[in-house]
Amino acid sequence: MRSTNGGALRHVLTHLLTPLLMCVGMGLAYLGAFAHPEPHRLPVAVVGSGTGTQVLAQTIGDKAGDRLAVRTVADREEAVRQLKDQKVFGAYVPGRHSPELLIASAGSDTTAVAVQKVFQPVAARQGAPLKVTDVVPPAEGDPTGQGIFFLLVALSIGSYASVAVIGGAGAVLPMRLRVALAGAMSLVVSVIGAAFAGPVFHLVDQGLPGLWAMAWVYSAGVLLVGTGLHTFLKRWTTLGVMVLFVMLNFTSAGGVYRPELQNGFFAALHSFWNGAGFVEGIRSLVYFDHAGLGRHVWTLALWLVAGIAVVCAAWATEARRARPATPVAAKATDDAEEEMEEAVGV
């Protein structure tokens, strides 16, 4: 009995390593990404063409240092165009009696707030109240503009949690059937996501078919990468997909803070990670007249291609192993039980 208890205890302690690693990883990722947001070369503009405008822009840039990248634009129309192209995130229109700040909060509410904090003291020094004009507001059903990010969270959990089932309980199935299940689940998850974004919560008021298509490509990429990785990682697959699609993904997606408010590591991930591709792709589709949409769609497509490549590698590896059916089934059952015990929602 004592020997049996000792073996069971060692088994439990071994498996407790996974939640401890998750704890450490989540703490490092979320606190590293969100704990100290501050602007880093945040692009803003001062509107005007005279000497006074140049001096004002230079003064603001000198005081801000590396926090801002200040430019001048000729007129208000050009400032609005650059905001809609997301080349700048705030444009200050000087005025003796009524200075105005142009923002596009649909691109990021937290960035819009950061820009207002920069220019409110500038207007105060002129002795005039600052008028704030939001040229690209979010949909009425998503007043903070962060609903798209939380939609990403739902899609991700539905996708990576399915990996534990397909890779674990479905390990006895041929790879072609697992791939078919992954494709079917990605379709179901994307339809649920589109329902949330449209008729259920009204997060967007246009572009719902495009949102659904990007959600499907995103979910399929996550499922295929995870399904392929299971062949190599086994019971560590849950931890692996959480690192890829939670710890590094949610923190670099730009849903809470855009990369201009984050440190260099997460700002760099934002340029090619799939969550950022989804969030920025939806923003471009719905709010910013498709500016940059092609690049974001390519990001999602490349992650889908990566998933196909991982699945192909796993398929070839399993073919080489060619294990007898019974041992595989027994091992798959053990892996499925262990993996589903370790799978958690975030």
Protein backbone atom coordinates (compact mmCIF):
# COMPACT_ATOMS: atom_id res chain seq x y z
CA MET A 1 0.00 0.00 0.00
CA ARG A 2 2.79 2.43 0.93
CA SER A 3 4.58 1.67 -2.34
CA THR A 4 1.35 2.24 -4.30
CA ASN A 5 0.74 5.58 -2.59
CA GLY A 6 4.32 6.63 -3.26
CA GLY A 7 3.99 5.86 -6.95
CA ALA A 8 0.68 7.73 -7.16
CA LEU A 9 2.18 10.72 -5.36
CA ARG A 10 5.13 10.85 -7.76
CA HIS A 11 2.68 10.66 -10.66
CA VAL A 12 0.65 13.59 -9.28
CA LEU A 13 3.75 15.67 -8.52
CA THR A 14 5.03 15.11 -12.05
CA HIS A 15 1.77 16.35 -13.53
CA LEU A 16 1.66 19.35 -11.19
CA LEU A 17 4.68 20.65 -13.08
CA THR A 18 2.40 21.62 -15.97
CA PRO A 19 0.14 24.05 -14.02
CA LEU A 20 3.22 25.53 -12.35
CA LEU A 21 4.78 26.20 -15.74
CA MET A 22 1.46 27.68 -16.89
CA CYS A 23 1.44 29.95 -13.83
CA VAL A 24 4.97 31.17 -14.48
CA GLY A 25 4.36 31.56 -18.20
CA MET A 26 1.09 33.47 -17.80
CA GLY A 27 2.64 35.77 -15.21
CA LEU A 28 5.67 36.54 -17.36
CA ALA A 29 3.56 37.04 -20.49
CA TYR A 30 0.68 39.12 -19.15
CA LEU A 31 2.65 41.22 -16.67
CA GLY A 32 5.49 41.62 -19.15
CA ALA A 33 3.08 42.84 -21.82
CA PHE A 34 0.56 44.86 -19.82
CA ALA A 35 2.09 45.95 -16.50
CA HIS A 36 3.86 49.15 -17.65
CA PRO A 37 2.26 50.51 -20.83
CA GLU A 38 3.85 53.67 -22.18
CA PRO A 39 4.24 55.14 -25.66
CA HIS A 40 7.25 54.16 -27.77
CA ARG A 41 7.60 56.24 -30.94
CA LEU A 42 3.83 56.69 -31.07
CA PRO A 43 3.06 58.47 -34.39
CA VAL A 44 1.12 61.74 -33.95
CA ALA A 45 0.70 64.83 -36.08
CA VAL A 46 0.36 68.58 -35.70
CA VAL A 47 -1.83 70.18 -38.37
CA GLY A 48 -0.64 73.28 -40.19
CA SER A 49 2.03 74.53 -42.57
CA GLY A 50 3.41 77.70 -41.02
CA THR A 51 6.50 78.31 -38.95
CA GLY A 52 4.47 78.26 -35.75
CA THR A 53 3.27 74.75 -36.53
CA GLN A 54 6.82 73.54 -37.12
CA VAL A 55 7.97 75.08 -33.85
CA LEU A 56 5.06 73.56 -31.93
CA ALA A 57 5.72 70.11 -33.40
CA GLN A 58 9.43 70.39 -32.58
CA THR A 59 8.67 71.49 -29.03
CA ILE A 60 6.27 68.61 -28.43
CA GLY A 61 8.75 66.14 -29.90
CA ASP A 62 11.64 67.46 -27.78
CA LYS A 63 9.63 67.20 -24.57
CA ALA A 64 8.32 63.72 -25.40
CA GLY A 65 11.66 62.25 -26.47
CA ASP A 66 11.33 58.64 -27.63
CA ARG A 67 7.71 58.47 -26.49
CA LEU A 68 6.37 60.19 -29.60
CA ALA A 69 7.17 60.42 -33.30
CA VAL A 70 5.80 63.87 -34.19
CA ARG A 71 5.17 64.97 -37.77
CA THR A 72 3.30 67.85 -39.39
CA VAL A 73 0.52 67.56 -41.96
CA ALA A 74 -0.72 70.36 -44.19
CA ASP A 75 -4.42 70.41 -43.31
CA ARG A 76 -7.21 68.73 -41.38
CA GLU A 77 -8.30 66.63 -44.38
CA GLU A 78 -4.83 65.11 -44.67
CA ALA A 79 -4.79 64.44 -40.92
CA VAL A 80 -8.08 62.55 -41.15
CA ARG A 81 -6.73 60.51 -44.08
CA GLN A 82 -3.61 59.52 -42.14
CA LEU A 83 -5.72 58.57 -39.11
CA LYS A 84 -7.87 56.32 -41.31
CA ASP A 85 -4.73 54.79 -42.81
CA GLN A 86 -3.38 54.33 -39.25
CA LYS A 87 -0.22 56.24 -40.11
CA VAL A 88 -0.84 58.46 -37.08
CA PHE A 89 -2.95 57.87 -33.97
CA GLY A 90 -3.69 61.46 -33.08
CA ALA A 91 -3.64 64.81 -34.90
CA TYR A 92 -3.59 68.14 -33.08
CA VAL A 93 -5.17 71.13 -34.81
CA PRO A 94 -3.87 74.30 -33.10
CA GLY A 95 -6.29 77.14 -32.50
CA ARG A 96 -6.18 80.23 -30.37
CA HIS A 97 -9.71 79.77 -29.07
CA SER A 98 -10.62 76.14 -29.86
CA PRO A 99 -7.75 73.67 -30.42
CA GLU A 100 -8.92 70.28 -31.66
CA LEU A 101 -7.55 66.77 -31.29
CA LEU A 102 -8.50 64.18 -33.91
CA ILE A 103 -8.43 60.53 -32.83
CA ALA A 104 -9.60 57.15 -34.20
CA SER A 105 -10.64 55.18 -31.13
CA ALA A 106 -11.79 52.16 -33.17
CA GLY A 107 -8.11 51.40 -33.71
CA SER A 108 -7.41 51.30 -29.96
CA ASP A 109 -9.22 52.99 -27.11
CA THR A 110 -6.13 52.89 -24.89
CA THR A 111 -4.02 54.55 -27.58
CA ALA A 112 -6.64 57.26 -28.02
CA VAL A 113 -6.56 57.91 -24.27
CA ALA A 114 -2.74 58.07 -24.34
CA VAL A 115 -2.85 60.63 -27.17
CA GLN A 116 -5.33 62.79 -25.28
CA LYS A 117 -3.03 62.82 -22.24
CA VAL A 118 -0.24 64.10 -24.48
CA PHE A 119 -2.16 67.01 -26.02
CA GLN A 120 -4.37 68.14 -23.13
CA PRO A 121 -1.43 70.00 -21.49
CA VAL A 122 -0.59 71.57 -24.87
CA ALA A 123 -4.09 73.02 -25.14
CA ALA A 124 -3.99 74.07 -21.48
CA ARG A 125 -0.86 76.12 -22.12
CA GLN A 126 -2.81 77.95 -24.83
CA GLY A 127 -5.51 78.70 -22.28
CA ALA A 128 -8.25 76.99 -24.27
CA PRO A 129 -10.30 73.81 -23.76
CA LEU A 130 -9.37 70.89 -26.00
CA LYS A 131 -12.06 69.67 -28.37
CA VAL A 132 -11.71 65.93 -29.09
CA THR A 133 -13.17 64.58 -32.35
CA ASP A 134 -13.32 60.84 -32.94
CA VAL A 135 -13.15 60.41 -36.71
CA VAL A 136 -13.36 56.58 -36.56
CA PRO A 137 -15.50 55.55 -33.56
CA PRO A 138 -16.21 51.87 -32.82
CA ALA A 139 -19.60 50.24 -33.34
CA GLU A 140 -22.34 51.02 -30.83
CA GLY A 141 -22.27 47.42 -29.61
CA ASP A 142 -18.55 47.68 -28.82
CA PRO A 143 -18.04 51.12 -27.24
CA THR A 144 -14.49 50.42 -26.02
CA GLY A 145 -13.42 48.75 -29.26
CA GLN A 146 -12.09 45.77 -27.30
CA GLY A 147 -14.89 43.36 -28.20
CA ILE A 148 -12.87 42.12 -31.18
CA PHE A 149 -10.08 41.12 -28.80
CA PHE A 150 -12.43 39.18 -26.54
CA LEU A 151 -13.85 37.51 -29.64
CA LEU A 152 -10.27 36.43 -30.38
CA VAL A 153 -10.09 34.94 -26.88
CA ALA A 154 -13.27 32.92 -27.47
CA LEU A 155 -12.08 31.66 -30.86
CA SER A 156 -8.69 30.71 -29.42
CA ILE A 157 -10.07 28.76 -26.47
CA GLY A 158 -12.52 26.89 -28.67
CA SER A 159 -9.68 26.03 -31.04
CA TYR A 160 -6.84 25.06 -28.73
CA ALA A 161 -9.13 23.18 -26.31
CA SER A 162 -10.28 21.10 -29.30
CA VAL A 163 -6.65 20.15 -29.90
CA ALA A 164 -6.59 18.27 -26.57
CA VAL A 165 -9.59 16.20 -27.66
CA ILE A 166 -8.53 15.55 -31.25
CA GLY A 167 -4.90 14.90 -30.41
CA GLY A 168 -5.59 12.95 -27.22
CA ALA A 169 -8.82 10.97 -27.52
CA GLY A 170 -8.46 10.92 -31.29
CA ALA A 171 -4.84 9.74 -31.37
CA VAL A 172 -5.96 6.24 -32.43
CA LEU A 173 -7.57 7.71 -35.56
CA PRO A 174 -5.67 8.09 -38.83
CA MET A 175 -4.19 11.54 -39.35
CA ARG A 176 -6.53 12.24 -42.27
CA LEU A 177 -9.53 11.86 -39.93
CA ARG A 178 -7.92 14.08 -37.29
CA VAL A 179 -7.30 16.72 -39.93
CA ALA A 180 -10.92 16.45 -41.06
CA LEU A 181 -12.07 16.87 -37.45
CA ALA A 182 -9.81 19.90 -37.07
CA GLY A 183 -11.26 21.47 -40.20
CA ALA A 184 -14.82 20.76 -39.08
CA MET A 185 -14.19 22.18 -35.60
CA SER A 186 -12.62 25.32 -37.05
CA LEU A 187 -15.76 25.82 -39.15
CA VAL A 188 -18.02 25.39 -36.11
CA VAL A 189 -15.88 27.70 -33.96
CA SER A 190 -15.82 30.38 -36.67
CA VAL A 191 -19.60 30.25 -37.08
CA ILE A 192 -20.03 30.67 -33.31
CA GLY A 193 -17.60 33.59 -33.41
CA ALA A 194 -19.48 35.26 -36.25
CA ALA A 195 -22.74 34.81 -34.35
CA PHE A 196 -21.23 36.47 -31.29
CA ALA A 197 -19.84 39.36 -33.37
CA GLY A 198 -23.05 39.91 -35.30
CA PRO A 199 -26.56 39.05 -34.13
CA VAL A 200 -25.72 38.21 -30.50
CA PHE A 201 -23.56 41.14 -29.30
CA HIS A 202 -23.43 43.44 -32.38
CA LEU A 203 -19.68 43.97 -32.06
CA VAL A 204 -19.55 45.00 -35.73
CA ASP A 205 -22.15 46.68 -37.90
CA GLN A 206 -20.64 45.66 -41.27
CA GLY A 207 -18.20 43.18 -42.79
CA LEU A 208 -19.59 40.13 -40.99
CA PRO A 209 -18.89 37.67 -43.86
CA GLY A 210 -15.25 38.78 -43.97
CA LEU A 211 -15.01 38.48 -40.19
CA TRP A 212 -16.33 34.92 -40.40
CA ALA A 213 -13.81 34.03 -43.12
CA MET A 214 -10.87 35.38 -41.09
CA ALA A 215 -12.16 33.61 -37.99
CA TRP A 216 -12.23 30.31 -39.91
CA VAL A 217 -8.69 30.74 -41.24
CA TYR A 218 -7.46 31.75 -37.77
CA SER A 219 -9.15 28.82 -36.02
CA ALA A 220 -8.01 26.33 -38.66
CA GLY A 221 -4.42 27.51 -38.24
CA VAL A 222 -4.55 27.01 -34.47
CA LEU A 223 -6.18 23.58 -34.76
CA LEU A 224 -3.81 22.28 -37.43
CA VAL A 225 -0.70 23.51 -35.63
CA GLY A 226 -1.90 21.93 -32.39
CA THR A 227 -3.01 18.67 -34.00
CA GLY A 228 0.34 18.29 -35.70
CA LEU A 229 2.32 19.21 -32.57
CA HIS A 230 0.53 16.53 -30.56
CA THR A 231 2.45 13.84 -32.42
CA PHE A 232 5.69 15.30 -31.07
CA LEU A 233 4.70 16.84 -27.71
CA LYS A 234 2.12 14.30 -26.47
CA ARG A 235 0.87 15.33 -23.02
CA TRP A 236 2.86 18.57 -23.23
CA THR A 237 0.71 19.69 -26.17
CA THR A 238 -1.67 21.65 -23.92
CA LEU A 239 1.21 23.66 -22.50
CA GLY A 240 2.69 24.12 -25.96
CA VAL A 241 -0.46 25.49 -27.55
CA MET A 242 -1.08 27.74 -24.55
CA VAL A 243 2.36 29.27 -25.00
CA LEU A 244 1.72 29.84 -28.70
CA PHE A 245 -1.93 30.87 -28.68
CA VAL A 246 -2.47 32.39 -25.23
CA MET A 247 0.73 33.61 -23.60
CA LEU A 248 2.34 35.06 -26.72
CA ASN A 249 -0.83 35.51 -28.73
CA PHE A 250 -3.22 37.47 -26.53
CA THR A 251 -0.45 39.71 -25.25
CA SER A 252 0.75 40.74 -28.71
CA ALA A 253 -2.64 40.95 -30.47
CA GLY A 254 -3.05 44.69 -29.90
CA GLY A 255 -6.50 44.24 -28.38
CA VAL A 256 -5.63 45.79 -25.03
CA TYR A 257 -2.56 47.85 -25.93
CA ARG A 258 -1.25 48.48 -29.40
CA PRO A 259 2.45 47.71 -30.00
CA GLU A 260 3.28 51.43 -29.71
CA LEU A 261 2.42 51.16 -26.00
CA GLN A 262 4.33 47.90 -25.40
CA ASN A 263 7.95 46.87 -25.04
CA GLY A 264 10.00 45.79 -28.03
CA PHE A 265 9.45 42.04 -27.62
CA PHE A 266 5.64 42.10 -27.79
CA ALA A 267 5.67 44.92 -30.33
CA ALA A 268 7.80 42.71 -32.59
CA LEU A 269 5.44 39.74 -32.16
CA HIS A 270 2.54 41.96 -33.19
CA SER A 271 4.00 42.24 -36.68
CA PHE A 272 3.58 38.54 -37.51
CA TRP A 273 1.60 36.66 -34.83
CA ASN A 274 -1.76 35.24 -35.84
CA GLY A 275 -3.83 36.92 -33.12
CA ALA A 276 -2.57 40.32 -34.22
CA GLY A 277 -3.38 39.39 -37.80
CA PHE A 278 -6.96 38.64 -36.79
CA VAL A 279 -7.55 41.68 -34.57
CA GLU A 280 -5.92 44.17 -36.95
CA GLY A 281 -7.53 42.49 -39.95
CA ILE A 282 -11.01 42.90 -38.47
CA ARG A 283 -10.29 46.53 -37.56
CA SER A 284 -9.08 47.20 -41.09
CA LEU A 285 -12.10 45.47 -42.62
CA VAL A 286 -14.74 47.09 -40.43
CA TYR A 287 -13.36 50.54 -39.61
CA PHE A 288 -10.38 51.60 -41.73
CA ASP A 289 -11.49 51.12 -45.35
CA HIS A 290 -9.38 47.96 -45.78
CA ALA A 291 -6.11 49.82 -45.10
CA GLY A 292 -3.44 47.14 -44.59
CA LEU A 293 -6.01 44.35 -44.85
CA GLY A 294 -4.00 42.32 -47.35
CA ARG A 295 -1.00 42.09 -45.02
CA HIS A 296 -3.14 40.89 -42.12
CA VAL A 297 -4.89 38.28 -44.26
CA TRP A 298 -1.48 37.05 -45.42
CA THR A 299 -0.43 36.70 -41.77
CA LEU A 300 -3.41 34.45 -41.08
CA ALA A 301 -2.83 32.50 -44.30
CA LEU A 302 0.84 31.86 -43.46
CA TRP A 303 -0.11 30.49 -40.05
CA LEU A 304 -2.57 28.18 -41.79
CA VAL A 305 0.22 27.06 -44.12
CA ALA A 306 2.43 26.49 -41.07
CA GLY A 307 -0.32 24.32 -39.59
CA ILE A 308 -0.51 22.26 -42.79
CA ALA A 309 3.27 21.84 -42.73
CA VAL A 310 3.26 20.66 -39.10
CA VAL A 311 0.46 18.19 -39.85
CA CYS A 312 2.38 16.82 -42.85
CA ALA A 313 5.49 16.36 -40.71
CA ALA A 314 3.45 14.59 -38.03
CA TRP A 315 1.80 12.38 -40.65
CA ALA A 316 5.20 11.33 -42.02
CA THR A 317 6.55 10.72 -38.52
CA GLU A 318 3.63 8.50 -37.55
CA ALA A 319 3.97 6.55 -40.79
CA ARG A 320 7.63 5.87 -40.00
CA ARG A 321 6.87 4.73 -36.49
CA ALA A 322 4.15 2.30 -37.68
CA ARG A 323 3.41 1.11 -34.17
CA PRO A 324 1.07 -1.90 -33.56
CA ALA A 325 -2.54 -0.87 -33.10
CA THR A 326 -3.04 -2.13 -29.52
CA PRO A 327 -0.09 -0.35 -27.85
CA VAL A 328 -0.99 2.82 -29.69
CA ALA A 329 -4.57 2.63 -28.49
CA ALA A 330 -3.49 2.06 -24.90
CA LYS A 331 -1.02 4.90 -25.01
CA ALA A 332 -3.56 7.18 -26.67
CA THR A 333 -6.05 6.48 -23.90
CA ASP A 334 -3.50 7.43 -21.25
CA ASP A 335 -2.49 10.56 -23.15
CA ALA A 336 -6.12 11.57 -23.62
CA GLU A 337 -6.89 11.27 -19.92
CA GLU A 338 -3.77 13.16 -18.88
CA GLU A 339 -4.18 15.88 -21.47
CA MET A 340 -7.83 16.54 -20.78
CA GLU A 341 -7.06 16.77 -17.07
CA GLU A 342 -4.44 19.42 -17.86
CA ALA A 343 -6.49 21.40 -20.38
CA VAL A 344 -7.72 24.67 -18.88
CA GLY A 345 -9.68 27.66 -20.15
CA VAL A 346 -8.22 31.14 -19.82
